[in-house]
Each structure stands twice: as C-alpha cells, then as structure tokens.
Amino acid sequence: ENWLKHIIFLLVTLLSKGMSEPQKNVLGSELKPCCYDPMTGWYRDGFCKTDARDRGVHTVCAQMTDEFLNYSRMKGNDLMTPHLPHFPGLKSGDKWCLCVSRWREAFMAGIAPPVVLEASHQKSLFVVSLGDLKNLTIPSKDEL
C-alpha cells in the first residue's frame, strides 16, 4: 500500500512538472494569452498551452473567420455549434486555440485564419513553419 502512494506521488509530480515550466511562443518568448472570452486553451485558461495529453496539439492562437469555420465544419469539426457548458460555439472574430494540424490543412487550402504569434505555442513549429504563420499574422492586443 505504501508503494502505491509513492508511485502516485511520483506520477503527480511528473505530470505537474510539465505544467510548471514556462511555456514559450513561436517567437521564443513568454507565451501570451490568446483569449478569455470565449475561454480557450487545452486547459481552458486562455492560453494555447499544451502537454502530452493534448493529442490535438491546440497550439495556434487564431482569429476565426466564417470561411474557416465553414471549412472546419465541412471537415467534421463543427466549431460553431455550442456544446455547453464546456464549449460555447465560435463565430467570426473570436480567438481560439486551434489544433496545429487543422490550421496547416486550412493553410494549404488557402483559407487558414490569421494567427497571433505571441499567443501561439512554440510546439506549433513542429508542424508549421514560422514563415507560414507570419504570412497570416494579426497583432497581439492587451484587451482579450
């Protein structure tokens, strides 16, 4: 029984270690918040943070467009329909932490939404280039 407590303690310590380390954006600086309304992020804390459990890799802070939202629905991921209480449904102009693979797919199709570099996690760069992200950049704002 004591060994089980030790294993649980080690697992909790290892999992929380990843969350306590500072997470960086695609520019290599401190990750900025993406959006608090609607509350976005894998952790629903407003940031495009990620960890090993985030299989979708929700790391690109993007401002939704009607064209992208319709494209995503056509691809089987309806981001417009609310699924309360956890998902409010999105509309054009909302910022949201997107799966980097879906953003890349939309970029290749010529309909990717614009991104906020300062709020997009550096792990996005494993899937998309900084140059591609910079092609569709919008400025970061203090008011979220």
C-alpha atoms as a PDB file:
ATOM      1  CA  GLU A   1       0.000   0.000   0.000  1.00  0.00           C
ATOM      2  CA  ASN A   2       2.877   2.360   0.783  1.00  0.00           C
ATOM      3  CA  TRP A   3       4.496   1.651  -2.602  1.00  0.00           C
ATOM      4  CA  LEU A   4       1.256   2.652  -4.352  1.00  0.00           C
ATOM      5  CA  LYS A   5       1.286   6.018  -2.560  1.00  0.00           C
ATOM      6  CA  HIS A   6       4.872   6.548  -3.725  1.00  0.00           C
ATOM      7  CA  ILE A   7       4.001   5.715  -7.335  1.00  0.00           C
ATOM      8  CA  ILE A   8       1.003   8.065  -7.283  1.00  0.00           C
ATOM      9  CA  PHE A   9       3.171  10.800  -5.759  1.00  0.00           C
ATOM     10  CA  LEU A  10       5.804  10.325  -8.492  1.00  0.00           C
ATOM     11  CA  LEU A  11       3.188  10.400 -11.260  1.00  0.00           C
ATOM     12  CA  VAL A  12       1.575  13.563  -9.906  1.00  0.00           C
ATOM     13  CA  THR A  13       4.999  15.185  -9.541  1.00  0.00           C
ATOM     14  CA  LEU A  14       5.987  14.303 -13.105  1.00  0.00           C
ATOM     15  CA  LEU A  15       2.679  15.483 -14.583  1.00  0.00           C
ATOM     16  CA  SER A  16       2.691  18.767 -12.673  1.00  0.00           C
ATOM     17  CA  LYS A  17       6.338  19.440 -13.590  1.00  0.00           C
ATOM     18  CA  GLY A  18       5.373  19.919 -17.241  1.00  0.00           C
ATOM     19  CA  MET A  19       2.748  22.474 -16.269  1.00  0.00           C
ATOM     20  CA  SER A  20       5.042  24.478 -14.012  1.00  0.00           C
ATOM     21  CA  GLU A  21       7.734  25.015 -16.641  1.00  0.00           C
ATOM     22  CA  PRO A  22       7.316  28.286 -18.548  1.00  0.00           C
ATOM     23  CA  GLN A  23       5.839  27.728 -21.974  1.00  0.00           C
ATOM     24  CA  LYS A  24       7.165  29.723 -24.918  1.00  0.00           C
ATOM     25  CA  ASN A  25       5.565  31.117 -28.048  1.00  0.00           C
ATOM     26  CA  VAL A  26       6.689  30.616 -31.662  1.00  0.00           C
ATOM     27  CA  LEU A  27       8.968  33.660 -31.327  1.00  0.00           C
ATOM     28  CA  GLY A  28      10.803  32.085 -28.375  1.00  0.00           C
ATOM     29  CA  SER A  29       9.476  34.491 -25.755  1.00  0.00           C
ATOM     30  CA  GLU A  30       6.898  34.123 -22.982  1.00  0.00           C
ATOM     31  CA  LEU A  31       3.586  32.687 -24.194  1.00  0.00           C
ATOM     32  CA  LYS A  32       0.894  35.395 -24.092  1.00  0.00           C
ATOM     33  CA  PRO A  33      -2.826  34.736 -23.550  1.00  0.00           C
ATOM     34  CA  CYS A  34      -4.949  34.027 -26.610  1.00  0.00           C
ATOM     35  CA  CYS A  35      -8.475  34.731 -25.361  1.00  0.00           C
ATOM     36  CA  TYR A  36     -10.531  34.757 -22.175  1.00  0.00           C
ATOM     37  CA  ASP A  37     -13.931  35.305 -23.828  1.00  0.00           C
ATOM     38  CA  PRO A  38     -14.576  32.729 -25.063  1.00  0.00           C
ATOM     39  CA  MET A  39     -12.246  30.918 -22.647  1.00  0.00           C
ATOM     40  CA  THR A  40      -9.883  28.956 -24.835  1.00  0.00           C
ATOM     41  CA  GLY A  41      -6.959  26.576 -24.493  1.00  0.00           C
ATOM     42  CA  TRP A  42      -6.386  22.926 -23.707  1.00  0.00           C
ATOM     43  CA  TYR A  43      -6.558  23.915 -20.013  1.00  0.00           C
ATOM     44  CA  ARG A  44      -9.372  26.446 -20.612  1.00  0.00           C
ATOM     45  CA  ASP A  45      -7.152  29.092 -19.034  1.00  0.00           C
ATOM     46  CA  GLY A  46      -6.981  31.483 -22.007  1.00  0.00           C
ATOM     47  CA  PHE A  47      -3.564  30.234 -23.185  1.00  0.00           C
ATOM     48  CA  CYS A  48      -2.579  27.860 -26.001  1.00  0.00           C
ATOM     49  CA  LYS A  49      -0.561  25.733 -23.575  1.00  0.00           C
ATOM     50  CA  THR A  50      -0.069  22.055 -24.259  1.00  0.00           C
ATOM     51  CA  ASP A  51       1.165  18.847 -22.698  1.00  0.00           C
ATOM     52  CA  ALA A  52       1.481  15.176 -23.632  1.00  0.00           C
ATOM     53  CA  ARG A  53      -2.265  14.593 -23.076  1.00  0.00           C
ATOM     54  CA  ASP A  54      -3.224  17.220 -25.692  1.00  0.00           C
ATOM     55  CA  ARG A  55      -3.482  14.849 -28.648  1.00  0.00           C
ATOM     56  CA  GLY A  56      -4.912  17.563 -30.892  1.00  0.00           C
ATOM     57  CA  VAL A  57      -1.988  19.882 -30.081  1.00  0.00           C
ATOM     58  CA  HIS A  58      -4.163  23.020 -29.589  1.00  0.00           C
ATOM     59  CA  THR A  59      -1.274  25.451 -30.004  1.00  0.00           C
ATOM     60  CA  VAL A  60      -2.205  28.010 -32.682  1.00  0.00           C
ATOM     61  CA  CYS A  61      -3.997  31.130 -31.452  1.00  0.00           C
ATOM     62  CA  ALA A  62      -6.179  32.100 -34.399  1.00  0.00           C
ATOM     63  CA  GLN A  63      -8.935  34.612 -35.045  1.00  0.00           C
ATOM     64  CA  MET A  64     -11.898  32.802 -36.530  1.00  0.00           C
ATOM     65  CA  THR A  65     -13.302  33.669 -39.951  1.00  0.00           C
ATOM     66  CA  ASP A  66     -16.592  32.494 -41.438  1.00  0.00           C
ATOM     67  CA  GLU A  67     -14.647  30.806 -44.222  1.00  0.00           C
ATOM     68  CA  PHE A  68     -12.500  28.798 -41.785  1.00  0.00           C
ATOM     69  CA  LEU A  69     -15.431  27.888 -39.516  1.00  0.00           C
ATOM     70  CA  ASN A  70     -17.371  26.538 -42.500  1.00  0.00           C
ATOM     71  CA  TYR A  71     -14.279  24.670 -43.724  1.00  0.00           C
ATOM     72  CA  SER A  72     -13.771  23.093 -40.304  1.00  0.00           C
ATOM     73  CA  ARG A  73     -17.422  22.008 -40.166  1.00  0.00           C
ATOM     74  CA  MET A  74     -17.091  20.513 -43.648  1.00  0.00           C
ATOM     75  CA  LYS A  75     -14.064  18.538 -42.375  1.00  0.00           C
ATOM     76  CA  GLY A  76     -16.108  17.130 -39.481  1.00  0.00           C
ATOM     77  CA  ASN A  77     -15.224  19.546 -36.682  1.00  0.00           C
ATOM     78  CA  ASP A  78     -18.156  21.908 -36.113  1.00  0.00           C
ATOM     79  CA  LEU A  79     -16.748  24.783 -34.087  1.00  0.00           C
ATOM     80  CA  MET A  80     -19.884  26.917 -34.450  1.00  0.00           C
ATOM     81  CA  THR A  81     -22.397  24.784 -32.544  1.00  0.00           C
ATOM     82  CA  PRO A  82     -22.281  25.223 -28.743  1.00  0.00           C
ATOM     83  CA  HIS A  83     -21.755  22.156 -26.544  1.00  0.00           C
ATOM     84  CA  LEU A  84     -22.454  23.663 -23.130  1.00  0.00           C
ATOM     85  CA  PRO A  85     -21.108  24.035 -20.536  1.00  0.00           C
ATOM     86  CA  HIS A  86     -17.598  23.361 -21.933  1.00  0.00           C
ATOM     87  CA  PHE A  87     -17.773  24.738 -25.468  1.00  0.00           C
ATOM     88  CA  PRO A  88     -19.603  27.982 -26.293  1.00  0.00           C
ATOM     89  CA  GLY A  89     -19.561  27.707 -30.082  1.00  0.00           C
ATOM     90  CA  LEU A  90     -17.458  30.154 -32.098  1.00  0.00           C
ATOM     91  CA  LYS A  91     -18.229  32.974 -34.506  1.00  0.00           C
ATOM     92  CA  SER A  92     -16.152  35.074 -36.834  1.00  0.00           C
ATOM     93  CA  GLY A  93     -13.827  37.347 -34.857  1.00  0.00           C
ATOM     94  CA  ASP A  94     -13.456  35.004 -31.859  1.00  0.00           C
ATOM     95  CA  LYS A  95      -9.940  33.907 -30.976  1.00  0.00           C
ATOM     96  CA  TRP A  96      -9.385  30.217 -30.253  1.00  0.00           C
ATOM     97  CA  CYS A  97      -6.517  27.776 -29.741  1.00  0.00           C
ATOM     98  CA  LEU A  98      -6.686  25.602 -32.837  1.00  0.00           C
ATOM     99  CA  CYS A  99      -5.153  22.214 -33.487  1.00  0.00           C
ATOM    100  CA  VAL A 100      -1.976  22.987 -35.387  1.00  0.00           C
ATOM    101  CA  SER A 101      -2.664  20.217 -37.932  1.00  0.00           C
ATOM    102  CA  ARG A 102      -6.092  21.699 -38.808  1.00  0.00           C
ATOM    103  CA  TRP A 103      -4.569  25.170 -39.180  1.00  0.00           C
ATOM    104  CA  ARG A 104      -1.894  23.740 -41.508  1.00  0.00           C
ATOM    105  CA  GLU A 105      -4.520  21.877 -43.517  1.00  0.00           C
ATOM    106  CA  ALA A 106      -6.525  25.093 -43.917  1.00  0.00           C
ATOM    107  CA  PHE A 107      -3.335  26.993 -44.800  1.00  0.00           C
ATOM    108  CA  MET A 108      -2.602  24.506 -47.583  1.00  0.00           C
ATOM    109  CA  ALA A 109      -6.178  25.026 -48.826  1.00  0.00           C
ATOM    110  CA  GLY A 110      -5.707  28.816 -48.745  1.00  0.00           C
ATOM    111  CA  ILE A 111      -8.276  29.505 -46.005  1.00  0.00           C
ATOM    112  CA  ALA A 112      -6.363  29.442 -42.720  1.00  0.00           C
ATOM    113  CA  PRO A 113      -7.459  32.058 -40.190  1.00  0.00           C
ATOM    114  CA  PRO A 114      -4.993  34.751 -39.068  1.00  0.00           C
ATOM    115  CA  VAL A 115      -2.830  33.999 -36.038  1.00  0.00           C
ATOM    116  CA  VAL A 116      -1.419  35.801 -33.009  1.00  0.00           C
ATOM    117  CA  LEU A 117       2.264  34.793 -32.925  1.00  0.00           C
ATOM    118  CA  GLU A 118       2.840  35.878 -29.318  1.00  0.00           C
ATOM    119  CA  ALA A 119      -0.017  33.611 -28.175  1.00  0.00           C
ATOM    120  CA  SER A 120       0.811  30.584 -30.372  1.00  0.00           C
ATOM    121  CA  HIS A 121       2.848  27.881 -28.640  1.00  0.00           C
ATOM    122  CA  GLN A 122       6.328  27.044 -29.930  1.00  0.00           C
ATOM    123  CA  LYS A 123       5.342  23.374 -30.400  1.00  0.00           C
ATOM    124  CA  SER A 124       3.371  24.577 -33.424  1.00  0.00           C
ATOM    125  CA  LEU A 125       6.720  24.831 -35.206  1.00  0.00           C
ATOM    126  CA  PHE A 126       6.974  21.030 -35.313  1.00  0.00           C
ATOM    127  CA  VAL A 127       4.104  21.107 -37.832  1.00  0.00           C
ATOM    128  CA  VAL A 128       4.133  24.552 -39.495  1.00  0.00           C
ATOM    129  CA  SER A 129       6.900  26.980 -40.329  1.00  0.00           C
ATOM    130  CA  LEU A 130       7.281  30.337 -38.669  1.00  0.00           C
ATOM    131  CA  GLY A 131       7.220  31.849 -42.166  1.00  0.00           C
ATOM    132  CA  ASP A 132       3.770  30.376 -42.872  1.00  0.00           C
ATOM    133  CA  LEU A 133       2.462  31.659 -39.541  1.00  0.00           C
ATOM    134  CA  LYS A 134       3.961  35.103 -40.193  1.00  0.00           C
ATOM    135  CA  ASN A 135       2.132  35.265 -43.538  1.00  0.00           C
ATOM    136  CA  LEU A 136      -1.157  35.401 -41.618  1.00  0.00           C
ATOM    137  CA  THR A 137      -0.264  37.378 -38.507  1.00  0.00           C
ATOM    138  CA  ILE A 138      -2.512  39.760 -36.603  1.00  0.00           C
ATOM    139  CA  PRO A 139      -1.173  41.942 -33.797  1.00  0.00           C
ATOM    140  CA  SER A 140      -1.451  40.853 -30.186  1.00  0.00           C
ATOM    141  CA  LYS A 141      -3.708  43.054 -28.058  1.00  0.00           C
ATOM    142  CA  ASP A 142      -3.740  43.563 -24.312  1.00  0.00           C
ATOM    143  CA  GLU A 143      -7.541  43.504 -24.212  1.00  0.00           C
ATOM    144  CA  LEU A 144      -8.720  39.951 -24.683  1.00  0.00           C
END
